[in-house]
Every structure is written in structure tokens, then in C-alpha cells.
Amino acid sequence: MTGGAGFQRSFGDREAQAAGEASDEPDRRHLGLRPQNPLHRTGNVAAGEPNYRSAVILPPTVLITGATGGIGQETAELLASQGWRVIVSGRRVAEGQKVVDGIKKNGGQATFIQADVSTEENVKALITKAIAVWGHLDAAVNNAGISNDSELLENASMERFQEMFQVNVLGVFCCNKWLPASMDGSCNLASIAGLHGIYRTGTYCATKHAVVGLTKTAAIEYATTGVTGAYTEETIAALFPMKRMGVVADIARAIKFLIDSPFATRSALAVDGGLGAA
């Protein structure tokens, strides 16, 4: 159940702020932003002048929400195995620490930050803490989401729908809003339920359609700074031409591709076992 979008804030917004002009851009000055090039960060720190001639290549850092299991965990392990420094985030402390311990055991770098993305204040605090770990963020995978209702629309619970909307939609929105302007990209996790209607999942589909719309809009707004998109989910095996359930590794590989492919801006990558062609 995934989807992706990666983007930076435009230079125009930052230039407008520097000139004292009004801007709708969130004030991220307290978030400790890094120089634009994430891999070359040495130089005269006191003067704030990067020295690219003596630059040292540093491992990229990624924040993954909802990473205590499933797709988030698989993505964390994959990126860590390829040299990324991973910040694992989620609500479950024991499970999150277990993911981190596994990554470290295999020679990777990781740390855990407990967080619930259902409120803007929580998200702001998470991002501030995440930047403080290694001094910067290069990418984010906004994976946290829930599915808590499987009723017909006429029997669906308003309370459960609101809970889902808070996490699945507003959580993703807040992450995209408060991630550093200098970050290279982010991947928003949606679902095949964001592209199709599915029986007895109307409220869940509504939240995932919202994530897809948010992602496509971000791609348009930040097209010059590198947005990529993708959406997929495991579903009933019989529905797939491949006749098998998708596994988290399928999604993790697609996320890795998106992070590495900034020119895939606005594209929709359906990792759905051929379902869209059926």
C-alpha cells in the first residue's frame, strides 16, 4: 500500500523571504537546514561558507515513518544495506528498536525516534529531532498509515474514518509541509486504493485518493526541484495477473528507484503485479 512523491521547496520562495516579501512557505529556520548539496558539507563553519574543494562525501540520511514493520521496515533495511543512514520512526518503541538493532547488526547505521504523525506539532517535533541526529535530511519516506474499517459505506463509522483521515492524509500533509526546504526528495505512501474503488473500503479509499491528489499537486508545484510519484498495494492474490500477493520487498525496491530517480517527476509507478492492465 504505497505511493511516492519527492520534492524540494523552490529557490523563489527562499529568495522572496530573504528580500522580506510575503510568502506562504512555512518557516523552517529552526529546523537546522543544511547547504543545498547534501553530500558536500565541509568548509568554514564559523563563516557559514561551504568549501567544495575539500568536500567530504557523507552518507545520505533518510527519515521513514511507520517503519516499525511491513513496508517501512523493509525499506529501512534495504536503504541501510546500500549505505543510507536511516531514522526509523513509529509509535511502537519495542518494534522500532528491534528494526534498528537488526540494521546495526548487519553493519548499517540507524536510530529510532518514537512519533505519532496524527498532529502537526508531533510532526514538527519529529522532523526537528530527525535533523538533529546527523545534522541534515536527504530524503523521507512518508509511510505511516492505518486501515481500521471494512464496512459498507452506510455502516461506516465516522469516528474511525476521522482517525484514518488524521493519520493517512493529514499526517502525510504535515510531513510534506515541514520537511526541510533543502531536502532532495520525499516519497508519499498511498495505495492501490488511491487509484481504484475497493469493496467495503470506501473510507480507506477516500484517504488514499487524497494522498494521491496531494502527491500529484506537489509534483506540479515543485516540478523544477524533483518530484517523483508511485502508488501500489497488496490485495487479493486472485485479482492479480501474476496470481500472487505483493510483498514488502516489491514496494521497497520501487521506493529505492524513486529516491534515485529525480527525473521521474510526476510519474505514477504502479507496482501492482499487472492489476492495472487486467
Protein backbone atom coordinates (compact mmCIF):
# COMPACT_ATOMS: atom_id res chain seq x y z
CA MET A 1 0.00 0.00 0.00
CA THR A 2 2.26 2.65 -1.24
CA GLY A 3 2.76 5.75 -3.25
CA GLY A 4 5.56 8.19 -3.66
CA ALA A 5 6.40 11.81 -4.15
CA GLY A 6 9.67 13.63 -3.67
CA PHE A 7 10.22 17.36 -3.76
CA GLN A 8 12.13 20.42 -2.55
CA ARG A 9 10.83 23.92 -1.95
CA SER A 10 11.67 26.31 -4.77
CA PHE A 11 14.52 28.81 -4.61
CA GLY A 12 12.00 31.53 -5.47
CA ASP A 13 10.25 31.13 -2.13
CA ARG A 14 13.50 31.38 -0.21
CA GLU A 15 14.61 34.41 -2.24
CA ALA A 16 11.31 36.13 -1.55
CA GLN A 17 11.78 35.60 2.17
CA ALA A 18 15.34 36.93 2.01
CA ALA A 19 14.02 40.07 0.34
CA GLY A 20 11.38 40.49 3.03
CA GLU A 21 8.48 39.66 0.72
CA ALA A 22 5.40 37.80 1.92
CA SER A 23 5.49 34.03 1.36
CA ASP A 24 3.26 31.10 2.26
CA GLU A 25 6.36 28.96 2.79
CA PRO A 26 6.49 27.52 6.37
CA ASP A 27 9.27 29.00 8.49
CA ARG A 28 11.82 26.19 8.82
CA ARG A 29 14.68 28.29 10.18
CA HIS A 30 14.50 26.43 13.47
CA LEU A 31 14.94 23.08 11.71
CA GLY A 32 18.68 23.43 11.09
CA LEU A 33 18.73 23.31 7.29
CA ARG A 34 21.91 22.27 5.52
CA PRO A 35 23.64 23.57 2.35
CA GLN A 36 21.83 22.70 -0.89
CA ASN A 37 24.26 19.92 -1.86
CA PRO A 38 23.61 17.12 0.68
CA LEU A 39 26.84 15.23 0.02
CA HIS A 40 29.37 18.06 0.31
CA ARG A 41 29.14 19.82 3.63
CA THR A 42 32.67 20.72 4.80
CA GLY A 43 34.18 24.21 4.92
CA ASN A 44 34.36 27.29 7.10
CA VAL A 45 31.61 26.53 9.59
CA ALA A 46 32.07 29.75 11.53
CA ALA A 47 31.65 31.84 8.39
CA GLY A 48 28.97 29.56 7.00
CA GLU A 49 30.86 29.09 3.74
CA PRO A 50 30.95 25.56 2.30
CA ASN A 51 34.34 24.61 0.84
CA TYR A 52 33.59 22.25 -2.02
CA ARG A 53 37.25 21.88 -2.97
CA SER A 54 37.88 19.95 0.24
CA ALA A 55 34.45 18.37 0.44
CA VAL A 56 33.95 15.01 2.09
CA ILE A 57 31.21 12.75 0.77
CA LEU A 58 28.86 11.86 3.62
CA PRO A 59 26.31 9.04 3.69
CA PRO A 60 22.79 10.25 2.82
CA THR A 61 20.20 10.29 5.60
CA VAL A 62 16.55 9.25 5.29
CA LEU A 63 13.58 9.51 7.66
CA ILE A 64 10.98 6.73 7.36
CA THR A 65 7.67 7.00 9.22
CA GLY A 66 5.68 3.89 10.05
CA ALA A 67 8.92 1.91 9.89
CA THR A 68 8.36 -0.49 12.80
CA GLY A 69 7.17 -3.24 10.45
CA GLY A 70 5.97 -4.12 6.95
CA ILE A 71 6.86 -1.84 4.04
CA GLY A 72 8.53 0.75 6.28
CA GLN A 73 10.81 -1.82 7.90
CA GLU A 74 11.68 -3.44 4.56
CA THR A 75 12.53 -0.05 3.08
CA ALA A 76 14.66 0.88 6.09
CA GLU A 77 16.63 -2.36 5.84
CA LEU A 78 17.10 -2.01 2.07
CA LEU A 79 18.35 1.57 2.21
CA ALA A 80 20.60 0.84 5.20
CA SER A 81 22.15 -2.07 3.30
CA GLN A 82 23.03 0.36 0.49
CA GLY A 83 24.76 2.89 2.72
CA TRP A 84 21.94 5.18 3.85
CA ARG A 85 21.77 6.36 7.45
CA VAL A 86 18.21 5.55 8.48
CA ILE A 87 15.96 7.21 11.03
CA VAL A 88 13.26 4.69 11.90
CA SER A 89 10.07 6.26 13.25
CA GLY A 90 6.78 4.91 14.55
CA ARG A 91 4.55 4.60 17.58
CA ARG A 92 5.79 1.20 18.81
CA VAL A 93 9.05 1.57 20.70
CA ALA A 94 9.98 -2.09 21.12
CA GLU A 95 9.34 -2.92 17.46
CA GLY A 96 11.18 0.19 16.27
CA GLN A 97 14.23 -0.56 18.37
CA LYS A 98 14.22 -4.13 17.06
CA VAL A 99 14.39 -2.80 13.48
CA VAL A 100 17.29 -0.53 14.43
CA ASP A 101 19.13 -3.34 16.19
CA GLY A 102 18.75 -5.55 13.12
CA ILE A 103 20.16 -2.85 10.84
CA LYS A 104 23.14 -2.25 13.13
CA LYS A 105 23.78 -5.98 13.41
CA ASN A 106 24.14 -6.07 9.63
CA GLY A 107 26.60 -3.18 9.63
CA GLY A 108 24.18 -0.34 8.89
CA GLN A 109 23.55 2.96 10.66
CA ALA A 110 20.13 3.61 12.18
CA THR A 111 18.35 5.18 15.10
CA PHE A 112 14.75 5.18 16.35
CA ILE A 113 12.50 8.15 17.16
CA GLN A 114 9.06 7.47 18.57
CA ALA A 115 6.40 9.60 16.91
CA ASP A 116 2.69 9.73 16.07
CA VAL A 117 2.13 11.75 12.87
CA SER A 118 -1.55 12.43 13.57
CA THR A 119 -0.89 16.03 14.74
CA GLU A 120 1.15 18.84 13.20
CA GLU A 121 3.02 19.51 16.44
CA ASN A 122 4.11 15.88 16.61
CA VAL A 123 5.37 16.02 13.03
CA LYS A 124 7.31 19.25 13.62
CA ALA A 125 8.93 17.73 16.71
CA LEU A 126 9.80 14.53 14.81
CA ILE A 127 11.50 16.40 11.97
CA THR A 128 13.43 18.61 14.37
CA LYS A 129 14.70 15.53 16.23
CA ALA A 130 15.46 13.70 12.98
CA ILE A 131 17.63 16.55 11.67
CA ALA A 132 19.46 16.73 15.00
CA VAL A 133 20.62 13.09 14.74
CA TRP A 134 23.06 13.56 11.84
CA GLY A 135 22.64 17.26 11.14
CA HIS A 136 20.56 17.01 7.98
CA LEU A 137 17.99 15.02 5.99
CA ASP A 138 18.37 14.00 2.35
CA ALA A 139 15.10 12.12 1.85
CA ALA A 140 11.94 11.00 3.61
CA VAL A 141 9.53 8.11 3.17
CA ASN A 142 6.11 9.15 4.50
CA ASN A 143 4.79 5.66 5.07
CA ALA A 144 2.76 5.87 8.31
CA GLY A 145 -0.87 4.91 7.75
CA ILE A 146 -3.73 2.87 9.18
CA SER A 147 -6.78 0.95 7.99
CA ASN A 148 -9.39 0.49 10.71
CA ASP A 149 -12.74 -0.05 8.95
CA SER A 150 -14.12 -2.59 6.45
CA GLU A 151 -17.82 -1.74 6.43
CA LEU A 152 -20.21 -0.78 3.67
CA LEU A 153 -20.47 2.99 3.37
CA GLU A 154 -23.90 3.03 5.02
CA ASN A 155 -22.43 1.31 8.09
CA ALA A 156 -19.06 3.06 8.17
CA SER A 157 -18.00 4.68 11.43
CA MET A 158 -17.47 8.44 11.33
CA GLU A 159 -15.10 8.20 14.31
CA ARG A 160 -12.90 5.57 12.62
CA PHE A 161 -12.99 7.49 9.34
CA GLN A 162 -11.78 10.64 11.09
CA GLU A 163 -9.00 8.68 12.80
CA MET A 164 -7.88 7.26 9.46
CA PHE A 165 -8.03 10.66 7.78
CA GLN A 166 -5.95 12.22 10.54
CA VAL A 167 -3.11 9.74 10.08
CA ASN A 168 -3.31 8.83 6.39
CA VAL A 169 -3.97 12.29 4.96
CA LEU A 170 -3.09 14.98 7.47
CA GLY A 171 -0.03 13.03 8.62
CA VAL A 172 1.34 12.93 5.07
CA PHE A 173 0.36 16.56 4.52
CA CYS A 174 2.18 17.73 7.66
CA CYS A 175 5.30 15.75 6.79
CA ASN A 176 5.43 17.32 3.34
CA LYS A 177 4.78 20.77 4.81
CA TRP A 178 7.52 20.65 7.44
CA LEU A 179 10.26 18.63 5.79
CA PRO A 180 13.37 20.79 5.15
CA ALA A 181 13.30 23.01 2.10
CA SER A 182 16.81 21.87 1.19
CA MET A 183 15.94 18.16 1.25
CA ASP A 184 16.29 16.29 -2.05
CA GLY A 185 13.01 14.39 -2.07
CA SER A 186 10.25 12.54 -0.28
CA CYS A 187 8.12 9.52 -1.09
CA ASN A 188 4.47 9.53 -0.02
CA LEU A 189 2.93 6.12 0.52
CA ALA A 190 -0.61 5.80 -0.83
CA SER A 191 -2.22 2.60 -2.11
CA ILE A 192 -3.90 0.89 -5.00
CA ALA A 193 -6.95 2.06 -3.05
CA GLY A 194 -5.87 5.54 -4.10
CA LEU A 195 -6.40 4.64 -7.74
CA HIS A 196 -9.43 2.33 -7.60
CA GLY A 197 -12.55 1.69 -5.55
CA ILE A 198 -12.44 -1.46 -3.42
CA TYR A 199 -15.43 -3.23 -1.89
CA ARG A 200 -16.08 -2.37 1.77
CA THR A 201 -13.14 0.02 1.99
CA GLY A 202 -14.79 3.30 0.98
CA THR A 203 -13.37 5.36 3.84
CA TYR A 204 -9.88 3.92 3.40
CA CYS A 205 -10.06 4.54 -0.36
CA ALA A 206 -11.06 8.13 0.32
CA THR A 207 -7.95 8.75 2.41
CA LYS A 208 -5.65 7.15 -0.14
CA HIS A 209 -7.21 9.03 -3.05
CA ALA A 210 -6.44 12.18 -1.06
CA VAL A 211 -2.78 11.20 -0.74
CA VAL A 212 -2.56 10.61 -4.49
CA GLY A 213 -4.07 14.04 -5.16
CA LEU A 214 -1.72 15.69 -2.68
CA THR A 215 1.25 13.96 -4.30
CA LYS A 216 0.27 14.97 -7.83
CA THR A 217 -0.23 18.56 -6.72
CA ALA A 218 3.19 18.60 -5.04
CA ALA A 219 4.68 17.31 -8.29
CA ILE A 220 3.18 20.25 -10.18
CA GLU A 221 4.09 22.86 -7.58
CA TYR A 222 7.71 21.70 -7.26
CA ALA A 223 8.31 20.25 -10.73
CA THR A 224 11.61 22.11 -11.13
CA THR A 225 13.03 20.68 -7.92
CA GLY A 226 12.47 16.98 -8.46
CA VAL A 227 9.22 15.20 -7.61
CA THR A 228 8.59 11.53 -8.24
CA GLY A 229 5.39 9.56 -7.74
CA ALA A 230 4.18 5.99 -7.35
CA TYR A 231 1.25 4.09 -5.79
CA THR A 232 0.61 0.39 -5.09
CA GLU A 233 -0.70 -2.22 -2.57
CA GLU A 234 -1.02 -5.93 -1.89
CA THR A 235 -4.55 -7.16 -2.40
CA ILE A 236 -6.34 -10.44 -3.02
CA ALA A 237 -3.97 -12.69 -5.00
CA ALA A 238 -6.67 -13.87 -7.38
CA LEU A 239 -7.15 -10.35 -8.71
CA PHE A 240 -3.58 -10.11 -9.97
CA PRO A 241 -2.46 -11.40 -13.37
CA MET A 242 0.67 -12.65 -11.60
CA LYS A 243 -1.58 -14.63 -9.24
CA ARG A 244 0.40 -13.81 -6.15
CA MET A 245 0.29 -11.34 -3.32
CA GLY A 246 2.70 -8.47 -3.44
CA VAL A 247 5.39 -8.49 -0.75
CA VAL A 248 7.01 -5.60 1.06
CA ALA A 249 10.27 -6.12 -0.85
CA ASP A 250 8.42 -5.29 -4.09
CA ILE A 251 7.45 -1.91 -2.66
CA ALA A 252 10.81 -1.21 -1.04
CA ARG A 253 12.61 -1.70 -4.38
CA ALA A 254 10.18 0.71 -6.04
CA ILE A 255 10.76 3.31 -3.31
CA LYS A 256 14.52 2.95 -3.77
CA PHE A 257 14.07 3.52 -7.52
CA LEU A 258 12.03 6.68 -6.90
CA ILE A 259 14.55 8.11 -4.47
CA ASP A 260 17.30 7.54 -7.02
CA SER A 261 15.29 8.93 -9.98
CA PRO A 262 14.52 12.66 -9.61
CA PHE A 263 13.75 12.96 -13.33
CA ALA A 264 10.74 10.67 -12.83
CA THR A 265 8.83 13.72 -11.61
CA ARG A 266 5.01 13.36 -11.52
CA SER A 267 5.17 9.81 -12.87
CA ALA A 268 2.80 7.18 -11.48
CA LEU A 269 4.59 3.89 -10.93
CA ALA A 270 2.03 1.15 -10.30
CA VAL A 271 3.76 -1.72 -8.52
CA ASP A 272 0.63 -3.84 -8.69
CA GLY A 273 1.52 -7.17 -10.26
CA GLY A 274 -0.13 -6.13 -13.53
CA LEU A 275 -3.52 -5.39 -11.94
CA GLY A 276 -3.87 -2.09 -13.79
CA ALA A 277 -3.57 -3.89 -17.13
CA ALA A 278 -6.17 -6.54 -16.32
